[in-house]
N, C-alpha and C. Protein backbone atom coordinates (compact mmCIF):
# COMPACT_ATOMS: atom_id res chain seq x y z
N UNK A 1 -4.55 -1.28 1.19
CA UNK A 1 -6.13 -1.52 0.99
C UNK A 1 -6.25 -2.97 1.64
N UNK A 2 -7.19 -2.95 2.49
CA UNK A 2 -7.71 -4.25 3.20
C UNK A 2 -9.06 -4.74 2.67
N UNK A 3 -8.90 -5.92 2.21
CA UNK A 3 -10.16 -6.67 1.59
C UNK A 3 -10.46 -7.91 2.38
N UNK A 4 -11.75 -8.38 2.06
CA UNK A 4 -12.22 -9.54 2.91
C UNK A 4 -12.27 -10.61 1.74
N UNK A 5 -12.24 -11.97 2.33
CA UNK A 5 -12.29 -13.08 1.27
C UNK A 5 -13.39 -12.99 0.15
N UNK A 6 -14.55 -12.53 0.67
CA UNK A 6 -15.79 -12.47 -0.28
C UNK A 6 -15.40 -11.45 -1.28
N UNK A 7 -14.79 -10.19 -1.15
CA UNK A 7 -14.30 -9.44 -2.28
C UNK A 7 -13.50 -10.12 -3.26
N UNK A 8 -12.39 -10.77 -2.60
CA UNK A 8 -11.38 -11.46 -3.59
C UNK A 8 -12.18 -12.61 -4.39
N UNK A 9 -13.02 -13.41 -3.71
CA UNK A 9 -13.72 -14.44 -4.29
C UNK A 9 -14.72 -13.88 -5.55
N UNK A 10 -15.24 -12.68 -5.47
CA UNK A 10 -16.03 -12.14 -6.45
C UNK A 10 -15.09 -11.72 -7.54
N UNK A 11 -13.93 -11.72 -7.51
CA UNK A 11 -13.10 -11.06 -8.48
C UNK A 11 -12.13 -12.42 -9.02
N UNK A 12 -12.66 -13.65 -8.62
CA UNK A 12 -12.05 -14.74 -9.15
C UNK A 12 -10.97 -15.36 -8.31
N UNK A 13 -10.50 -14.84 -7.27
CA UNK A 13 -9.47 -15.28 -6.52
C UNK A 13 -9.93 -16.31 -5.60
N UNK A 14 -9.92 -17.60 -5.85
CA UNK A 14 -10.40 -18.59 -4.68
C UNK A 14 -9.68 -18.84 -3.70
N UNK A 15 -10.06 -19.70 -2.53
CA UNK A 15 -9.35 -19.88 -1.41
C UNK A 15 -8.02 -20.55 -1.60
N UNK A 16 -7.88 -21.39 -2.49
CA UNK A 16 -6.56 -22.17 -2.76
C UNK A 16 -5.51 -21.11 -3.55
N UNK A 17 -6.07 -20.23 -4.18
CA UNK A 17 -5.13 -19.27 -4.63
C UNK A 17 -4.72 -18.23 -3.63
N UNK A 18 -5.63 -17.79 -2.84
CA UNK A 18 -5.38 -16.91 -1.74
C UNK A 18 -4.30 -17.48 -0.73
N UNK A 19 -4.50 -18.75 -0.63
CA UNK A 19 -3.53 -19.47 0.27
C UNK A 19 -2.08 -19.50 -0.35
N UNK A 20 -2.10 -19.68 -1.66
CA UNK A 20 -0.73 -19.65 -2.36
C UNK A 20 -0.08 -18.21 -2.21
N UNK A 21 -1.02 -17.20 -2.53
CA UNK A 21 -0.43 -15.99 -2.38
C UNK A 21 0.03 -15.85 -0.99
N UNK A 22 -0.57 -16.05 -0.09
CA UNK A 22 -0.09 -15.88 1.49
C UNK A 22 1.09 -16.55 1.64
N UNK A 23 1.30 -17.70 1.23
CA UNK A 23 2.58 -18.59 1.32
C UNK A 23 3.55 -18.12 0.74
N UNK A 24 3.46 -17.30 -0.48
CA UNK A 24 4.50 -16.85 -1.06
C UNK A 24 4.80 -15.26 -0.80
N UNK A 25 4.07 -14.73 0.02
CA UNK A 25 4.25 -13.37 0.75
C UNK A 25 3.73 -12.29 -0.30
N UNK A 26 2.80 -12.65 -1.20
CA UNK A 26 2.23 -11.66 -2.19
C UNK A 26 1.03 -11.10 -1.48
N UNK A 27 0.52 -11.77 -0.47
CA UNK A 27 -0.72 -11.11 0.40
C UNK A 27 -0.33 -11.28 1.91
N UNK A 28 -0.80 -10.60 2.69
CA UNK A 28 -0.73 -10.92 4.15
C UNK A 28 -2.23 -11.06 4.67
N UNK A 29 -2.20 -12.00 5.63
CA UNK A 29 -3.58 -12.27 6.14
C UNK A 29 -3.58 -11.99 7.60
N UNK A 30 -3.77 -10.67 8.17
CA UNK A 30 -3.71 -10.25 9.54
C UNK A 30 -4.69 -10.92 10.46
N UNK A 31 -5.94 -11.37 9.82
CA UNK A 31 -6.76 -12.18 10.52
C UNK A 31 -7.62 -12.92 9.62
N UNK A 32 -8.48 -13.94 10.01
CA UNK A 32 -9.15 -14.83 9.39
C UNK A 32 -9.92 -14.01 8.41
N UNK A 33 -9.99 -14.41 7.03
CA UNK A 33 -10.73 -13.85 5.95
C UNK A 33 -10.64 -12.39 5.66
N UNK A 34 -9.34 -11.92 5.94
CA UNK A 34 -9.01 -10.42 5.76
C UNK A 34 -7.68 -10.39 5.18
N UNK A 35 -7.39 -9.80 4.11
CA UNK A 35 -6.32 -9.83 3.28
C UNK A 35 -5.75 -8.37 2.97
N UNK A 36 -4.41 -8.25 2.63
CA UNK A 36 -3.88 -6.94 2.26
C UNK A 36 -2.55 -7.23 1.70
N UNK A 37 -2.10 -6.29 0.72
CA UNK A 37 -0.77 -6.44 0.27
C UNK A 37 0.32 -6.20 1.42
N UNK A 38 1.35 -6.85 1.21
CA UNK A 38 2.43 -6.66 2.23
C UNK A 38 3.00 -5.11 1.99
N UNK A 39 3.39 -4.59 3.05
CA UNK A 39 4.20 -3.34 3.14
C UNK A 39 5.34 -3.44 3.04
N UNK A 40 6.19 -2.63 2.30
CA UNK A 40 7.46 -2.38 2.41
C UNK A 40 8.15 -1.70 3.36
N UNK A 41 9.28 -1.70 3.61
CA UNK A 41 9.95 -0.83 4.54
C UNK A 41 9.59 0.49 4.30
N UNK A 42 9.23 1.32 5.32
CA UNK A 42 9.02 2.78 4.98
C UNK A 42 10.51 3.60 5.08
N UNK A 43 10.72 4.47 4.16
CA UNK A 43 11.88 5.28 4.33
C UNK A 43 11.55 6.64 4.22
N UNK A 44 11.84 7.39 5.28
CA UNK A 44 11.47 8.83 5.44
C UNK A 44 12.32 9.74 4.61
N UNK A 45 13.54 9.32 4.30
CA UNK A 45 14.44 10.23 3.49
C UNK A 45 13.89 10.73 2.20
N UNK A 46 13.60 10.06 1.33
CA UNK A 46 12.85 10.59 -0.03
C UNK A 46 11.75 11.61 0.24
N UNK A 47 11.02 11.22 1.41
CA UNK A 47 9.87 12.11 1.49
C UNK A 47 10.32 13.56 2.00
N UNK A 48 11.59 13.47 2.95
CA UNK A 48 11.88 14.73 3.61
C UNK A 48 12.74 15.47 2.37
N UNK A 49 13.43 14.82 1.58
CA UNK A 49 14.17 15.46 0.34
C UNK A 49 12.98 16.13 -0.45
N UNK A 50 12.06 15.46 -0.78
CA UNK A 50 10.92 15.97 -1.57
C UNK A 50 10.31 17.18 -1.11
N UNK A 51 9.97 17.24 0.38
CA UNK A 51 9.49 18.24 0.96
C UNK A 51 10.48 19.49 0.93
N UNK A 52 11.70 19.37 1.14
CA UNK A 52 12.56 20.51 1.03
C UNK A 52 12.74 20.94 -0.12
N UNK A 53 12.67 20.29 -1.35
CA UNK A 53 12.82 20.54 -2.75
C UNK A 53 11.42 21.53 -3.08
N UNK A 54 10.34 21.08 -2.56
CA UNK A 54 9.08 21.82 -2.96
C UNK A 54 9.05 22.93 -2.13
N UNK A 55 9.64 23.26 -0.96
CA UNK A 55 9.63 24.54 -0.23
C UNK A 55 10.65 25.42 -1.11
N UNK A 56 11.88 24.87 -1.37
CA UNK A 56 12.69 25.73 -2.14
C UNK A 56 12.11 26.41 -3.36
N UNK A 57 11.47 25.60 -4.20
CA UNK A 57 10.90 25.95 -5.48
C UNK A 57 9.59 26.82 -5.32
N UNK A 58 9.03 27.04 -4.02
CA UNK A 58 7.79 27.75 -3.96
C UNK A 58 8.12 29.21 -4.28
N UNK A 59 7.21 29.79 -4.85
CA UNK A 59 7.26 31.25 -5.24
C UNK A 59 7.32 32.04 -4.03
N UNK A 60 8.25 33.16 -4.01
CA UNK A 60 8.27 33.82 -2.49
C UNK A 60 7.39 34.99 -2.58
N UNK A 61 6.78 35.43 -3.61
CA UNK A 61 5.97 36.53 -3.75
C UNK A 61 4.45 36.29 -3.37
N UNK A 62 3.83 37.44 -2.89
CA UNK A 62 2.33 37.29 -2.49
C UNK A 62 1.36 37.21 -3.66
N UNK A 63 0.04 37.35 -3.45
CA UNK A 63 -0.81 37.21 -4.56
C UNK A 63 -0.65 38.51 -5.28
N UNK A 64 -0.96 38.34 -6.62
CA UNK A 64 -0.75 39.48 -7.57
C UNK A 64 -1.90 40.58 -7.41
């Protein structure tokens, strides 16, 4: 989710607190007055495993 400074300000997060969050890597600031939560490293393995499990558990018959 990407939000602007005004949206954060409306929710009580002042500029000094935003700067603190950015400094401590709790928020990223891709461009001026725009913020987002940092993304973790994406890992495809759990997703692939989950898809395989779902396919295996699908019912094999057609509609009744």
